[in-house]
Amino acid sequence: MKISRLPKLVRFIIKNSLIGLVIGWVVATGLLASNINGFGGLVLHSDHMLVAMFIVYFSFGLTFAFAYLTTAVLLMPTKREDFDRI
């Protein structure tokens, strides 16, 4: 199924959720790379590194996706003419 065939609001939700997901992954990567208070080393040198990384990336991605989507919905135009330009 092509994404352009989906209804406009569904495309709006998918697009904004994916943007938030990527932002969350970038923040998680920055957190692990900067090793704030040894958190990056704790995750990267864990016996269960893949599970720890999954938890970090999943939680950051999901949180930022919901936050970005919520912000986009709250800032969505209320007039039909403005909404048609999205």
PDB file of N, CA and C in Angstrom:
ATOM      1  N   MET A   1       0.839  -1.173   0.000  1.00  0.00           N
ATOM      2  CA  MET A   1       0.000   0.000   0.000  1.00  0.00           C
ATOM      3  C   MET A   1       0.888   1.243   0.000  1.00  0.00           C
ATOM      4  N   LYS A   2       0.643   2.132  -0.935  1.00  0.00           N
ATOM      5  CA  LYS A   2       1.406   3.367  -1.009  1.00  0.00           C
ATOM      6  C   LYS A   2       0.979   4.306   0.106  1.00  0.00           C
ATOM      7  N   ILE A   3       1.952   5.037   0.615  1.00  0.00           N
ATOM      8  CA  ILE A   3       1.654   5.956   1.714  1.00  0.00           C
ATOM      9  C   ILE A   3       0.796   7.118   1.229  1.00  0.00           C
ATOM     10  N   SER A   4       0.885   7.470  -0.050  1.00  0.00           N
ATOM     11  CA  SER A   4       0.102   8.595  -0.558  1.00  0.00           C
ATOM     12  C   SER A   4      -1.380   8.244  -0.686  1.00  0.00           C
ATOM     13  N   ARG A   5      -1.730   6.973  -0.618  1.00  0.00           N
ATOM     14  CA  ARG A   5      -3.132   6.565  -0.720  1.00  0.00           C
ATOM     15  C   ARG A   5      -3.830   6.563   0.636  1.00  0.00           C
ATOM     16  N   LEU A   6      -3.077   6.739   1.706  1.00  0.00           N
ATOM     17  CA  LEU A   6      -3.671   6.773   3.038  1.00  0.00           C
ATOM     18  C   LEU A   6      -4.373   8.110   3.263  1.00  0.00           C
ATOM     19  N   PRO A   7      -5.360   8.134   4.145  1.00  0.00           N
ATOM     20  CA  PRO A   7      -6.009   9.409   4.460  1.00  0.00           C
ATOM     21  C   PRO A   7      -5.021  10.419   5.044  1.00  0.00           C
ATOM     22  N   LYS A   8      -5.344  11.685   4.872  1.00  0.00           N
ATOM     23  CA  LYS A   8      -4.438  12.762   5.273  1.00  0.00           C
ATOM     24  C   LYS A   8      -4.078  12.718   6.759  1.00  0.00           C
ATOM     25  N   LEU A   9      -5.041  12.456   7.622  1.00  0.00           N
ATOM     26  CA  LEU A   9      -4.748  12.425   9.057  1.00  0.00           C
ATOM     27  C   LEU A   9      -3.868  11.242   9.445  1.00  0.00           C
ATOM     28  N   VAL A  10      -4.029  10.115   8.766  1.00  0.00           N
ATOM     29  CA  VAL A  10      -3.175   8.954   9.039  1.00  0.00           C
ATOM     30  C   VAL A  10      -1.736   9.269   8.621  1.00  0.00           C
ATOM     31  N   ARG A  11      -1.572   9.896   7.465  1.00  0.00           N
ATOM     32  CA  ARG A  11      -0.227  10.306   7.037  1.00  0.00           C
ATOM     33  C   ARG A  11       0.369  11.308   8.015  1.00  0.00           C
ATOM     34  N   PHE A  12      -0.446  12.213   8.524  1.00  0.00           N
ATOM     35  CA  PHE A  12      -0.011  13.211   9.505  1.00  0.00           C
ATOM     36  C   PHE A  12       0.515  12.523  10.766  1.00  0.00           C
ATOM     37  N   ILE A  13      -0.216  11.529  11.254  1.00  0.00           N
ATOM     38  CA  ILE A  13       0.186  10.804  12.467  1.00  0.00           C
ATOM     39  C   ILE A  13       1.464  10.010  12.226  1.00  0.00           C
ATOM     40  N   ILE A  14       1.548   9.305  11.110  1.00  0.00           N
ATOM     41  CA  ILE A  14       2.732   8.496  10.808  1.00  0.00           C
ATOM     42  C   ILE A  14       3.966   9.375  10.664  1.00  0.00           C
ATOM     43  N   LYS A  15       3.824  10.465   9.902  1.00  0.00           N
ATOM     44  CA  LYS A  15       4.971  11.349   9.664  1.00  0.00           C
ATOM     45  C   LYS A  15       5.493  11.949  10.959  1.00  0.00           C
ATOM     46  N   ASN A  16       4.600  12.489  11.781  1.00  0.00           N
ATOM     47  CA  ASN A  16       5.040  13.139  13.013  1.00  0.00           C
ATOM     48  C   ASN A  16       5.532  12.136  14.048  1.00  0.00           C
ATOM     49  N   SER A  17       4.979  10.944  14.074  1.00  0.00           N
ATOM     50  CA  SER A  17       5.479   9.913  14.991  1.00  0.00           C
ATOM     51  C   SER A  17       6.881   9.469  14.605  1.00  0.00           C
ATOM     52  N   LEU A  18       7.132   9.314  13.309  1.00  0.00           N
ATOM     53  CA  LEU A  18       8.458   8.907  12.862  1.00  0.00           C
ATOM     54  C   LEU A  18       9.504   9.984  13.121  1.00  0.00           C
ATOM     55  N   ILE A  19       9.123  11.241  12.957  1.00  0.00           N
ATOM     56  CA  ILE A  19      10.060  12.333  13.259  1.00  0.00           C
ATOM     57  C   ILE A  19      10.419  12.302  14.741  1.00  0.00           C
ATOM     58  N   GLY A  20       9.422  12.159  15.603  1.00  0.00           N
ATOM     59  CA  GLY A  20       9.687  12.088  17.036  1.00  0.00           C
ATOM     60  C   GLY A  20      10.509  10.872  17.420  1.00  0.00           C
ATOM     61  N   LEU A  21      10.257   9.742  16.750  1.00  0.00           N
ATOM     62  CA  LEU A  21      11.026   8.525  17.006  1.00  0.00           C
ATOM     63  C   LEU A  21      12.503   8.732  16.691  1.00  0.00           C
ATOM     64  N   VAL A  22      12.782   9.346  15.568  1.00  0.00           N
ATOM     65  CA  VAL A  22      14.174   9.597  15.176  1.00  0.00           C
ATOM     66  C   VAL A  22      14.837  10.575  16.147  1.00  0.00           C
ATOM     67  N   ILE A  23      14.114  11.609  16.567  1.00  0.00           N
ATOM     68  CA  ILE A  23      14.671  12.545  17.550  1.00  0.00           C
ATOM     69  C   ILE A  23      14.991  11.813  18.851  1.00  0.00           C
ATOM     70  N   GLY A  24      14.116  10.929  19.282  1.00  0.00           N
ATOM     71  CA  GLY A  24      14.364  10.159  20.493  1.00  0.00           C
ATOM     72  C   GLY A  24      15.592   9.269  20.370  1.00  0.00           C
ATOM     73  N   TRP A  25      15.752   8.645  19.199  1.00  0.00           N
ATOM     74  CA  TRP A  25      16.938   7.807  18.987  1.00  0.00           C
ATOM     75  C   TRP A  25      18.219   8.644  18.974  1.00  0.00           C
ATOM     76  N   VAL A  26      18.162   9.839  18.423  1.00  0.00           N
ATOM     77  CA  VAL A  26      19.341  10.721  18.414  1.00  0.00           C
ATOM     78  C   VAL A  26      19.697  11.141  19.839  1.00  0.00           C
ATOM     79  N   VAL A  27      18.687  11.475  20.635  1.00  0.00           N
ATOM     80  CA  VAL A  27      18.940  11.852  22.026  1.00  0.00           C
ATOM     81  C   VAL A  27      19.498  10.660  22.812  1.00  0.00           C
ATOM     82  N   ALA A  28      18.963   9.473  22.597  1.00  0.00           N
ATOM     83  CA  ALA A  28      19.470   8.282  23.288  1.00  0.00           C
ATOM     84  C   ALA A  28      20.913   7.995  22.895  1.00  0.00           C
ATOM     85  N   THR A  29      21.221   8.152  21.603  1.00  0.00           N
ATOM     86  CA  THR A  29      22.593   7.945  21.148  1.00  0.00           C
ATOM     87  C   THR A  29      23.531   8.964  21.786  1.00  0.00           C
ATOM     88  N   GLY A  30      23.084  10.221  21.863  1.00  0.00           N
ATOM     89  CA  GLY A  30      23.890  11.251  22.511  1.00  0.00           C
ATOM     90  C   GLY A  30      24.100  10.971  23.986  1.00  0.00           C
ATOM     91  N   LEU A  31      23.080  10.464  24.644  1.00  0.00           N
ATOM     92  CA  LEU A  31      23.191  10.124  26.058  1.00  0.00           C
ATOM     93  C   LEU A  31      24.193   8.997  26.276  1.00  0.00           C
ATOM     94  N   LEU A  32      24.118   7.971  25.442  1.00  0.00           N
ATOM     95  CA  LEU A  32      25.052   6.852  25.586  1.00  0.00           C
ATOM     96  C   LEU A  32      26.468   7.258  25.202  1.00  0.00           C
ATOM     97  N   ALA A  33      26.603   8.090  24.168  1.00  0.00           N
ATOM     98  CA  ALA A  33      27.937   8.493  23.711  1.00  0.00           C
ATOM     99  C   ALA A  33      28.608   9.450  24.690  1.00  0.00           C
ATOM    100  N   SER A  34      27.822  10.315  25.334  1.00  0.00           N
ATOM    101  CA  SER A  34      28.428  11.285  26.251  1.00  0.00           C
ATOM    102  C   SER A  34      28.744  10.679  27.615  1.00  0.00           C
ATOM    103  N   ASN A  35      28.187   9.527  27.910  1.00  0.00           N
ATOM    104  CA  ASN A  35      28.500   8.784  29.136  1.00  0.00           C
ATOM    105  C   ASN A  35      28.266   9.620  30.392  1.00  0.00           C
ATOM    106  N   ILE A  36      27.121  10.277  30.461  1.00  0.00           N
ATOM    107  CA  ILE A  36      26.791  11.114  31.612  1.00  0.00           C
ATOM    108  C   ILE A  36      26.625  10.233  32.850  1.00  0.00           C
ATOM    109  N   ASN A  37      27.379  10.557  33.882  1.00  0.00           N
ATOM    110  CA  ASN A  37      27.383   9.799  35.149  1.00  0.00           C
ATOM    111  C   ASN A  37      27.651   8.313  34.951  1.00  0.00           C
ATOM    112  N   GLY A  38      28.353   7.958  33.897  1.00  0.00           N
ATOM    113  CA  GLY A  38      28.713   6.576  33.649  1.00  0.00           C
ATOM    114  C   GLY A  38      27.586   5.732  33.074  1.00  0.00           C
ATOM    115  N   PHE A  39      26.476   6.365  32.667  1.00  0.00           N
ATOM    116  CA  PHE A  39      25.337   5.604  32.160  1.00  0.00           C
ATOM    117  C   PHE A  39      25.663   4.898  30.849  1.00  0.00           C
ATOM    118  N   GLY A  40      26.375   5.588  29.958  1.00  0.00           N
ATOM    119  CA  GLY A  40      26.749   4.968  28.682  1.00  0.00           C
ATOM    120  C   GLY A  40      27.636   3.753  28.879  1.00  0.00           C
ATOM    121  N   GLY A  41      28.601   3.863  29.764  1.00  0.00           N
ATOM    122  CA  GLY A  41      29.476   2.733  30.060  1.00  0.00           C
ATOM    123  C   GLY A  41      28.734   1.590  30.719  1.00  0.00           C
ATOM    124  N   LEU A  42      27.772   1.938  31.574  1.00  0.00           N
ATOM    125  CA  LEU A  42      26.976   0.914  32.233  1.00  0.00           C
ATOM    126  C   LEU A  42      26.180   0.108  31.213  1.00  0.00           C
ATOM    127  N   VAL A  43      25.598   0.787  30.234  1.00  0.00           N
ATOM    128  CA  VAL A  43      24.805   0.097  29.216  1.00  0.00           C
ATOM    129  C   VAL A  43      25.712  -0.667  28.258  1.00  0.00           C
ATOM    130  N   LEU A  44      26.760  -0.007  27.773  1.00  0.00           N
ATOM    131  CA  LEU A  44      27.614  -0.607  26.743  1.00  0.00           C
ATOM    132  C   LEU A  44      28.508  -1.729  27.259  1.00  0.00           C
ATOM    133  N   HIS A  45      28.755  -1.768  28.562  1.00  0.00           N
ATOM    134  CA  HIS A  45      29.588  -2.836  29.122  1.00  0.00           C
ATOM    135  C   HIS A  45      28.787  -3.828  29.950  1.00  0.00           C
ATOM    136  N   SER A  46      27.497  -3.812  29.768  1.00  0.00           N
ATOM    137  CA  SER A  46      26.614  -4.720  30.497  1.00  0.00           C
ATOM    138  C   SER A  46      26.725  -6.134  29.927  1.00  0.00           C
ATOM    139  N   ASP A  47      26.401  -7.115  30.747  1.00  0.00           N
ATOM    140  CA  ASP A  47      26.364  -8.499  30.265  1.00  0.00           C
ATOM    141  C   ASP A  47      25.223  -8.704  29.271  1.00  0.00           C
ATOM    142  N   HIS A  48      24.191  -7.894  29.396  1.00  0.00           N
ATOM    143  CA  HIS A  48      23.027  -7.970  28.502  1.00  0.00           C
ATOM    144  C   HIS A  48      22.894  -6.650  27.743  1.00  0.00           C
ATOM    145  N   MET A  49      23.936  -6.323  26.986  1.00  0.00           N
ATOM    146  CA  MET A  49      24.009  -5.034  26.312  1.00  0.00           C
ATOM    147  C   MET A  49      22.862  -4.830  25.330  1.00  0.00           C
ATOM    148  N   LEU A  50      22.509  -5.861  24.564  1.00  0.00           N
ATOM    149  CA  LEU A  50      21.444  -5.705  23.575  1.00  0.00           C
ATOM    150  C   LEU A  50      20.090  -5.428  24.231  1.00  0.00           C
ATOM    151  N   VAL A  51      19.823  -6.086  25.330  1.00  0.00           N
ATOM    152  CA  VAL A  51      18.569  -5.846  26.044  1.00  0.00           C
ATOM    153  C   VAL A  51      18.551  -4.435  26.620  1.00  0.00           C
ATOM    154  N   ALA A  52      19.670  -4.016  27.202  1.00  0.00           N
ATOM    155  CA  ALA A  52      19.748  -2.668  27.776  1.00  0.00           C
ATOM    156  C   ALA A  52      19.604  -1.603  26.698  1.00  0.00           C
ATOM    157  N   MET A  53      20.248  -1.801  25.554  1.00  0.00           N
ATOM    158  CA  MET A  53      20.132  -0.834  24.460  1.00  0.00           C
ATOM    159  C   MET A  53      18.714  -0.815  23.894  1.00  0.00           C
ATOM    160  N   PHE A  54      18.087  -1.983  23.804  1.00  0.00           N
ATOM    161  CA  PHE A  54      16.704  -2.037  23.335  1.00  0.00           C
ATOM    162  C   PHE A  54      15.793  -1.240  24.258  1.00  0.00           C
ATOM    163  N   ILE A  55      15.965  -1.408  25.554  1.00  0.00           N
ATOM    164  CA  ILE A  55      15.128  -0.690  26.516  1.00  0.00           C
ATOM    165  C   ILE A  55      15.347   0.818  26.400  1.00  0.00           C
ATOM    166  N   VAL A  56      16.602   1.245  26.284  1.00  0.00           N
ATOM    167  CA  VAL A  56      16.901   2.678  26.179  1.00  0.00           C
ATOM    168  C   VAL A  56      16.314   3.252  24.898  1.00  0.00           C
ATOM    169  N   TYR A  57      16.593   2.611  23.766  1.00  0.00           N
ATOM    170  CA  TYR A  57      16.124   3.147  22.486  1.00  0.00           C
ATOM    171  C   TYR A  57      14.604   3.054  22.361  1.00  0.00           C
ATOM    172  N   PHE A  58      14.014   1.995  22.840  1.00  0.00           N
ATOM    173  CA  PHE A  58      12.564   1.852  22.767  1.00  0.00           C
ATOM    174  C   PHE A  58      11.873   2.910  23.614  1.00  0.00           C
ATOM    175  N   SER A  59      12.350   3.099  24.836  1.00  0.00           N
ATOM    176  CA  SER A  59      11.692   4.059  25.728  1.00  0.00           C
ATOM    177  C   SER A  59      11.888   5.491  25.245  1.00  0.00           C
ATOM    178  N   PHE A  60      13.085   5.844  24.802  1.00  0.00           N
ATOM    179  CA  PHE A  60      13.309   7.192  24.292  1.00  0.00           C
ATOM    180  C   PHE A  60      12.529   7.414  23.001  1.00  0.00           C
ATOM    181  N   GLY A  61      12.541   6.445  22.100  1.00  0.00           N
ATOM    182  CA  GLY A  61      11.825   6.582  20.842  1.00  0.00           C
ATOM    183  C   GLY A  61      10.331   6.733  21.055  1.00  0.00           C
ATOM    184  N   LEU A  62       9.759   5.905  21.902  1.00  0.00           N
ATOM    185  CA  LEU A  62       8.323   5.962  22.158  1.00  0.00           C
ATOM    186  C   LEU A  62       7.923   7.265  22.848  1.00  0.00           C
ATOM    187  N   THR A  63       8.696   7.682  23.824  1.00  0.00           N
ATOM    188  CA  THR A  63       8.391   8.915  24.546  1.00  0.00           C
ATOM    189  C   THR A  63       8.460  10.126  23.627  1.00  0.00           C
ATOM    190  N   PHE A  64       9.520  10.231  22.848  1.00  0.00           N
ATOM    191  CA  PHE A  64       9.663  11.369  21.951  1.00  0.00           C
ATOM    192  C   PHE A  64       8.652  11.314  20.811  1.00  0.00           C
ATOM    193  N   ALA A  65       8.299  10.135  20.338  1.00  0.00           N
ATOM    194  CA  ALA A  65       7.291  10.024  19.282  1.00  0.00           C
ATOM    195  C   ALA A  65       5.949  10.532  19.773  1.00  0.00           C
ATOM    196  N   PHE A  66       5.539  10.126  20.967  1.00  0.00           N
ATOM    197  CA  PHE A  66       4.277  10.608  21.518  1.00  0.00           C
ATOM    198  C   PHE A  66       4.324  12.110  21.794  1.00  0.00           C
ATOM    199  N   ALA A  67       5.451  12.593  22.314  1.00  0.00           N
ATOM    200  CA  ALA A  67       5.565  14.022  22.615  1.00  0.00           C
ATOM    201  C   ALA A  67       5.506  14.858  21.340  1.00  0.00           C
ATOM    202  N   TYR A  68       6.205  14.427  20.296  1.00  0.00           N
ATOM    203  CA  TYR A  68       6.206  15.169  19.035  1.00  0.00           C
ATOM    204  C   TYR A  68       4.828  15.123  18.392  1.00  0.00           C
ATOM    205  N   LEU A  69       4.188  13.970  18.414  1.00  0.00           N
ATOM    206  CA  LEU A  69       2.849  13.847  17.842  1.00  0.00           C
ATOM    207  C   LEU A  69       1.843  14.699  18.608  1.00  0.00           C
ATOM    208  N   THR A  70       1.923  14.697  19.919  1.00  0.00           N
ATOM    209  CA  THR A  70       1.023  15.516  20.728  1.00  0.00           C
ATOM    210  C   THR A  70       1.211  16.991  20.426  1.00  0.00           C
ATOM    211  N   THR A  71       2.453  17.433  20.315  1.00  0.00           N
ATOM    212  CA  THR A  71       2.723  18.824  19.977  1.00  0.00           C
ATOM    213  C   THR A  71       2.173  19.164  18.599  1.00  0.00           C
ATOM    214  N   ALA A  72       2.345  18.269  17.636  1.00  0.00           N
ATOM    215  CA  ALA A  72       1.835  18.512  16.286  1.00  0.00           C
ATOM    216  C   ALA A  72       0.314  18.588  16.274  1.00  0.00           C
ATOM    217  N   VAL A  73      -0.349  17.748  17.041  1.00  0.00           N
ATOM    218  CA  VAL A  73      -1.811  17.771  17.087  1.00  0.00           C
ATOM    219  C   VAL A  73      -2.301  19.049  17.763  1.00  0.00           C
ATOM    220  N   LEU A  74      -1.647  19.449  18.840  1.00  0.00           N
ATOM    221  CA  LEU A  74      -2.069  20.667  19.536  1.00  0.00           C
ATOM    222  C   LEU A  74      -1.841  21.919  18.700  1.00  0.00           C
ATOM    223  N   LEU A  75      -0.847  21.905  17.830  1.00  0.00           N
ATOM    224  CA  LEU A  75      -0.551  23.058  16.982  1.00  0.00           C
ATOM    225  C   LEU A  75      -1.188  22.953  15.601  1.00  0.00           C
ATOM    226  N   MET A  76      -2.027  21.949  15.385  1.00  0.00           N
ATOM    227  CA  MET A  76      -2.670  21.744  14.096  1.00  0.00           C
ATOM    228  C   MET A  76      -3.643  22.896  13.819  1.00  0.00           C
ATOM    229  N   PRO A  77      -3.690  23.357  12.581  1.00  0.00           N
ATOM    230  CA  PRO A  77      -4.607  24.452  12.253  1.00  0.00           C
ATOM    231  C   PRO A  77      -6.065  24.032  12.443  1.00  0.00           C
ATOM    232  N   THR A  78      -6.894  25.000  12.803  1.00  0.00           N
ATOM    233  CA  THR A  78      -8.298  24.712  13.038  1.00  0.00           C
ATOM    234  C   THR A  78      -9.178  25.047  11.836  1.00  0.00           C
ATOM    235  N   LYS A  79      -8.702  25.916  10.956  1.00  0.00           N
ATOM    236  CA  LYS A  79      -9.473  26.259   9.768  1.00  0.00           C
ATOM    237  C   LYS A  79      -9.197  25.265   8.660  1.00  0.00           C
ATOM    238  N   ARG A  80     -10.220  24.924   7.914  1.00  0.00           N
ATOM    239  CA  ARG A  80     -10.084  23.932   6.855  1.00  0.00           C
ATOM    240  C   ARG A  80      -9.083  24.371   5.774  1.00  0.00           C
ATOM    241  N   GLU A  81      -9.084  25.639   5.419  1.00  0.00           N
ATOM    242  CA  GLU A  81      -8.162  26.128   4.390  1.00  0.00           C
ATOM    243  C   GLU A  81      -6.701  25.970   4.836  1.00  0.00           C
ATOM    244  N   ASP A  82      -6.449  26.258   6.108  1.00  0.00           N
ATOM    245  CA  ASP A  82      -5.086  26.091   6.633  1.00  0.00           C
ATOM    246  C   ASP A  82      -4.697  24.623   6.730  1.00  0.00           C
ATOM    247  N   PHE A  83      -5.659  23.780   7.095  1.00  0.00           N
ATOM    248  CA  PHE A  83      -5.372  22.351   7.229  1.00  0.00           C
ATOM    249  C   PHE A  83      -5.095  21.707   5.870  1.00  0.00           C
ATOM    250  N   ASP A  84      -5.738  22.176   4.835  1.00  0.00           N
ATOM    251  CA  ASP A  84      -5.528  21.614   3.500  1.00  0.00           C
ATOM    252  C   ASP A  84      -4.117  21.854   2.984  1.00  0.00           C
ATOM    253  N   ARG A  85      -3.423  22.852   3.551  1.00  0.00           N
ATOM    254  CA  ARG A  85      -2.043  23.142   3.124  1.00  0.00           C
ATOM    255  C   ARG A  85      -1.004  22.275   3.821  1.00  0.00           C
ATOM    256  N   ILE A  86      -1.420  21.498   4.788  1.00  0.00           N
ATOM    257  CA  ILE A  86      -0.469  20.625   5.509  1.00  0.00           C
ATOM    258  C   ILE A  86      -0.026  19.508   4.591  1.00  0.00           C
TER     259      ILE A  86
END
